[in-house]
C-alpha atoms as a PDB file:
ATOM      1  CA  MET A   1      -9.893 -41.225 -49.220  1.00  0.00           C
ATOM      2  CA  SER A   2      -8.440 -44.707 -49.527  1.00  0.00           C
ATOM      3  CA  ALA A   3      -9.078 -47.476 -47.001  1.00  0.00           C
ATOM      4  CA  SER A   4      -5.455 -47.276 -45.856  1.00  0.00           C
ATOM      5  CA  ASN A   5      -5.953 -43.654 -44.782  1.00  0.00           C
ATOM      6  CA  THR A   6      -9.173 -44.160 -42.835  1.00  0.00           C
ATOM      7  CA  GLY A   7      -7.587 -45.787 -39.807  1.00  0.00           C
ATOM      8  CA  ALA A   8      -9.401 -49.031 -40.612  1.00  0.00           C
ATOM      9  CA  GLN A   9      -6.196 -51.036 -40.413  1.00  0.00           C
ATOM     10  CA  HIS A  10      -6.471 -51.477 -36.617  1.00  0.00           C
ATOM     11  CA  PRO A  11     -10.115 -50.750 -35.785  1.00  0.00           C
ATOM     12  CA  ARG A  12     -10.220 -52.933 -32.682  1.00  0.00           C
ATOM     13  CA  THR A  13      -6.928 -52.096 -30.965  1.00  0.00           C
ATOM     14  CA  VAL A  14      -7.378 -51.303 -27.285  1.00  0.00           C
ATOM     15  CA  ALA A  15      -3.937 -49.694 -26.722  1.00  0.00           C
ATOM     16  CA  ALA A  16      -4.182 -49.941 -22.954  1.00  0.00           C
ATOM     17  CA  PRO A  17      -1.169 -48.811 -20.920  1.00  0.00           C
ATOM     18  CA  LEU A  18       0.904 -51.428 -19.102  1.00  0.00           C
ATOM     19  CA  GLY A  19      -0.645 -50.580 -15.724  1.00  0.00           C
ATOM     20  CA  ARG A  20      -4.136 -51.204 -17.082  1.00  0.00           C
ATOM     21  CA  ARG A  21      -3.003 -54.494 -18.668  1.00  0.00           C
ATOM     22  CA  ILE A  22      -1.511 -55.577 -15.324  1.00  0.00           C
ATOM     23  CA  LEU A  23      -4.748 -54.691 -13.519  1.00  0.00           C
ATOM     24  CA  ALA A  24      -6.744 -56.601 -16.159  1.00  0.00           C
ATOM     25  CA  GLY A  25      -4.588 -59.695 -15.658  1.00  0.00           C
ATOM     26  CA  VAL A  26      -4.836 -59.609 -11.872  1.00  0.00           C
ATOM     27  CA  VAL A  27      -8.585 -58.941 -11.775  1.00  0.00           C
ATOM     28  CA  GLY A  28      -9.380 -61.330 -14.635  1.00  0.00           C
ATOM     29  CA  GLY A  29      -7.089 -64.038 -13.259  1.00  0.00           C
ATOM     30  CA  LEU A  30      -8.659 -63.751  -9.801  1.00  0.00           C
ATOM     31  CA  ALA A  31     -12.218 -63.724 -11.147  1.00  0.00           C
ATOM     32  CA  GLY A  32     -11.646 -66.827 -13.244  1.00  0.00           C
ATOM     33  CA  GLY A  33      -9.529 -68.432 -10.538  1.00  0.00           C
ATOM     34  CA  VAL A  34     -12.170 -68.058  -7.833  1.00  0.00           C
ATOM     35  CA  VAL A  35     -14.857 -69.683  -9.978  1.00  0.00           C
ATOM     36  CA  PHE A  36     -12.556 -72.462 -11.171  1.00  0.00           C
ATOM     37  CA  GLY A  37     -11.258 -72.903  -7.606  1.00  0.00           C
ATOM     38  CA  MET A  38     -14.786 -73.432  -6.323  1.00  0.00           C
ATOM     39  CA  MET A  39     -15.271 -76.107  -8.968  1.00  0.00           C
ATOM     40  CA  MET A  40     -12.001 -77.732  -7.920  1.00  0.00           C
ATOM     41  CA  ALA A  41     -13.104 -77.661  -4.277  1.00  0.00           C
ATOM     42  CA  LEU A  42     -16.319 -79.475  -5.183  1.00  0.00           C
ATOM     43  CA  MET A  43     -14.293 -82.110  -7.041  1.00  0.00           C
ATOM     44  CA  GLY A  44     -11.846 -82.503  -4.132  1.00  0.00           C
ATOM     45  CA  MET A  45      -8.899 -81.425  -6.293  1.00  0.00           C
ATOM     46  CA  LEU A  46      -7.420 -78.659  -4.130  1.00  0.00           C
ATOM     47  CA  PRO A  47      -5.257 -81.045  -2.035  1.00  0.00           C
ATOM     48  CA  VAL A  48      -3.689 -82.252  -5.301  1.00  0.00           C
ATOM     49  CA  ILE A  49      -2.711 -78.652  -6.110  1.00  0.00           C
ATOM     50  CA  ALA A  50      -1.380 -78.274  -2.548  1.00  0.00           C
ATOM     51  CA  SER A  51       0.759 -81.383  -3.013  1.00  0.00           C
ATOM     52  CA  MET A  52       2.866 -79.412  -5.523  1.00  0.00           C
ATOM     53  CA  VAL A  53       4.288 -77.544  -2.498  1.00  0.00           C
ATOM     54  CA  GLY A  54       4.289 -80.508  -0.115  1.00  0.00           C
ATOM     55  CA  SER A  55       0.949 -79.840   1.590  1.00  0.00           C
ATOM     56  CA  SER A  56      -2.389 -81.630   1.671  1.00  0.00           C
ATOM     57  CA  SER A  57      -4.451 -78.625   2.796  1.00  0.00           C
ATOM     58  CA  ALA A  58      -7.325 -77.556   0.559  1.00  0.00           C
ATOM     59  CA  TRP A  59      -6.699 -73.957   1.704  1.00  0.00           C
ATOM     60  CA  VAL A  60      -3.077 -74.149   0.575  1.00  0.00           C
ATOM     61  CA  GLY A  61      -4.278 -75.646  -2.710  1.00  0.00           C
ATOM     62  CA  PHE A  62      -6.777 -72.812  -3.154  1.00  0.00           C
ATOM     63  CA  ALA A  63      -4.107 -70.191  -2.423  1.00  0.00           C
ATOM     64  CA  MET A  64      -1.709 -71.847  -4.883  1.00  0.00           C
ATOM     65  CA  HIS A  65      -4.469 -72.048  -7.473  1.00  0.00           C
ATOM     66  CA  LEU A  66      -5.232 -68.321  -7.121  1.00  0.00           C
ATOM     67  CA  MET A  67      -1.553 -67.383  -7.439  1.00  0.00           C
ATOM     68  CA  ILE A  68      -1.262 -69.508 -10.576  1.00  0.00           C
ATOM     69  CA  SER A  69      -4.493 -67.986 -11.907  1.00  0.00           C
ATOM     70  CA  ILE A  70      -3.110 -64.468 -11.487  1.00  0.00           C
ATOM     71  CA  VAL A  71       0.201 -65.315 -13.189  1.00  0.00           C
ATOM     72  CA  ILE A  72      -1.619 -66.939 -16.114  1.00  0.00           C
ATOM     73  CA  GLY A  73      -3.971 -63.955 -16.348  1.00  0.00           C
ATOM     74  CA  LEU A  74      -1.009 -61.572 -16.410  1.00  0.00           C
ATOM     75  CA  GLY A  75       0.587 -63.618 -19.181  1.00  0.00           C
ATOM     76  CA  LEU A  76      -2.406 -63.048 -21.402  1.00  0.00           C
ATOM     77  CA  THR A  77      -3.099 -59.398 -20.672  1.00  0.00           C
ATOM     78  CA  VAL A  78       0.429 -58.028 -20.367  1.00  0.00           C
ATOM     79  CA  LEU A  79       1.775 -59.766 -23.445  1.00  0.00           C
ATOM     80  CA  PHE A  80      -1.269 -59.808 -25.707  1.00  0.00           C
ATOM     81  CA  GLY A  81      -3.994 -57.615 -24.200  1.00  0.00           C
ATOM     82  CA  ASN A  82      -3.718 -54.804 -26.731  1.00  0.00           C
ATOM     83  CA  TRP A  83      -4.060 -57.133 -29.700  1.00  0.00           C
ATOM     84  CA  LEU A  84      -6.288 -59.952 -28.566  1.00  0.00           C
ATOM     85  CA  LEU A  85      -8.745 -58.572 -26.021  1.00  0.00           C
ATOM     86  CA  THR A  86     -10.526 -55.967 -28.094  1.00  0.00           C
ATOM     87  CA  GLY A  87     -14.197 -56.754 -27.449  1.00  0.00           C
ATOM     88  CA  SER A  88     -16.438 -59.198 -25.612  1.00  0.00           C
ATOM     89  CA  GLY A  89     -16.670 -61.697 -28.464  1.00  0.00           C
ATOM     90  CA  ARG A  90     -12.944 -61.707 -29.005  1.00  0.00           C
ATOM     91  CA  GLY A  91     -12.393 -61.882 -25.222  1.00  0.00           C
ATOM     92  CA  VAL A  92     -14.486 -65.064 -25.025  1.00  0.00           C
ATOM     93  CA  LEU A  93     -12.773 -66.650 -28.032  1.00  0.00           C
ATOM     94  CA  VAL A  94      -9.260 -65.788 -26.862  1.00  0.00           C
ATOM     95  CA  GLY A  95     -10.142 -66.889 -23.323  1.00  0.00           C
ATOM     96  CA  LEU A  96     -11.405 -70.264 -24.527  1.00  0.00           C
ATOM     97  CA  VAL A  97      -8.273 -70.898 -26.587  1.00  0.00           C
ATOM     98  CA  TYR A  98      -6.012 -69.670 -23.770  1.00  0.00           C
ATOM     99  CA  GLY A  99      -7.822 -71.869 -21.238  1.00  0.00           C
ATOM    100  CA  ALA A 100      -7.437 -74.900 -23.522  1.00  0.00           C
ATOM    101  CA  ILE A 101      -3.723 -74.206 -23.974  1.00  0.00           C
ATOM    102  CA  TRP A 102      -3.260 -74.000 -20.204  1.00  0.00           C
ATOM    103  CA  TRP A 103      -5.240 -77.213 -19.733  1.00  0.00           C
ATOM    104  CA  VAL A 104      -2.631 -78.978 -21.858  1.00  0.00           C
ATOM    105  CA  LEU A 105       0.340 -77.194 -20.266  1.00  0.00           C
ATOM    106  CA  GLY A 106      -0.876 -77.435 -16.651  1.00  0.00           C
ATOM    107  CA  PRO A 107      -2.710 -80.644 -15.747  1.00  0.00           C
ATOM    108  CA  LEU A 108      -1.520 -82.679 -18.726  1.00  0.00           C
ATOM    109  CA  VAL A 109       2.184 -81.706 -18.722  1.00  0.00           C
ATOM    110  CA  MET A 110       3.565 -79.599 -15.846  1.00  0.00           C
ATOM    111  CA  MET A 111       1.608 -81.009 -12.919  1.00  0.00           C
ATOM    112  CA  PRO A 112       2.276 -84.663 -13.857  1.00  0.00           C
ATOM    113  CA  LEU A 113       5.981 -83.841 -14.261  1.00  0.00           C
ATOM    114  CA  MET A 114       6.052 -82.193 -10.817  1.00  0.00           C
ATOM    115  CA  LEU A 115       4.164 -85.047  -9.139  1.00  0.00           C
ATOM    116  CA  GLY A 116       5.757 -88.000 -10.940  1.00  0.00           C
ATOM    117  CA  MET A 117       2.545 -88.927 -12.754  1.00  0.00           C
ATOM    118  CA  PRO A 118       2.118 -89.900 -16.425  1.00  0.00           C
ATOM    119  CA  MET A 119       1.739 -86.979 -18.827  1.00  0.00           C
ATOM    120  CA  PHE A 120      -1.226 -86.585 -21.205  1.00  0.00           C
ATOM    121  CA  SER A 121      -3.423 -88.865 -19.127  1.00  0.00           C
ATOM    122  CA  VAL A 122      -7.015 -88.115 -20.134  1.00  0.00           C
ATOM    123  CA  ASP A 123      -9.773 -89.436 -17.893  1.00  0.00           C
ATOM    124  CA  MET A 124     -12.985 -88.035 -16.396  1.00  0.00           C
ATOM    125  CA  THR A 125     -11.022 -85.841 -13.964  1.00  0.00           C
ATOM    126  CA  SER A 126      -8.981 -84.298 -16.759  1.00  0.00           C
ATOM    127  CA  VAL A 127     -12.126 -83.724 -18.850  1.00  0.00           C
ATOM    128  CA  LEU A 128     -13.673 -81.875 -15.886  1.00  0.00           C
ATOM    129  CA  SER A 129     -10.409 -79.946 -15.622  1.00  0.00           C
ATOM    130  CA  LEU A 130     -10.753 -78.961 -19.287  1.00  0.00           C
ATOM    131  CA  MET A 131     -14.228 -77.614 -18.536  1.00  0.00           C
ATOM    132  CA  GLY A 132     -12.806 -75.636 -15.617  1.00  0.00           C
ATOM    133  CA  HIS A 133      -9.984 -74.224 -17.726  1.00  0.00           C
ATOM    134  CA  LEU A 134     -12.431 -73.163 -20.445  1.00  0.00           C
ATOM    135  CA  ILE A 135     -14.633 -71.439 -17.862  1.00  0.00           C
ATOM    136  CA  TYR A 136     -11.555 -69.793 -16.318  1.00  0.00           C
ATOM    137  CA  GLY A 137     -10.409 -68.558 -19.741  1.00  0.00           C
ATOM    138  CA  THR A 138     -13.846 -67.197 -20.619  1.00  0.00           C
ATOM    139  CA  ILE A 139     -14.107 -65.286 -17.343  1.00  0.00           C
ATOM    140  CA  LEU A 140     -10.516 -64.053 -17.689  1.00  0.00           C
ATOM    141  CA  GLY A 141     -11.136 -62.840 -21.243  1.00  0.00           C
ATOM    142  CA  LEU A 142     -14.420 -61.084 -20.499  1.00  0.00           C
ATOM    143  CA  THR A 143     -13.179 -59.484 -17.283  1.00  0.00           C
ATOM    144  CA  ALA A 144      -9.936 -58.355 -18.913  1.00  0.00           C
ATOM    145  CA  VAL A 145     -11.824 -56.732 -21.790  1.00  0.00           C
ATOM    146  CA  GLY A 146     -13.938 -54.791 -19.286  1.00  0.00           C
ATOM    147  CA  VAL A 147     -10.874 -53.597 -17.381  1.00  0.00           C
ATOM    148  CA  LEU A 148      -8.888 -52.808 -20.524  1.00  0.00           C
ATOM    149  CA  LYS A 149     -11.710 -50.740 -21.943  1.00  0.00           C
ATOM    150  CA  GLY A 150     -12.421 -49.101 -18.596  1.00  0.00           C
ATOM    151  CA  ARG A 151     -16.052 -50.200 -18.599  1.00  0.00           C
ATOM    152  CA  HIS A 152     -18.134 -53.352 -18.865  1.00  0.00           C
ATOM    153  CA  GLU A 153     -19.679 -54.070 -22.250  1.00  0.00           C
END
């Protein structure tokens, strides 16, 4: 039997239904968002997030952060979950890359545009934000893999 007939072409495909991918994005986004949100609270950054909606409340900032975390989690799992989140190692790798991408898009581009700040400003706060985004992505990736596969590896 040739290699093309053994099913080896897609050995790691999860093929999770849309409902499972949605659940993975919500659960993974929340899990990563809670941890990253706690880090942001310790750094005093939640009022900055709240300022995007005209508030200065850390609670509003935390709620906004969790909503954003869920949407970003859904983006990964709904669009790419079947192809990218196929095992724990791949979940970590994809999560790290995804977190880094969102670090650039969020705090370096979108948030400065919304708040009238300079884009691509890298300082100690943004480096700590990168760390938070990488942790968020790792937790998102690992949690999503567990949900997509229906068990924890």
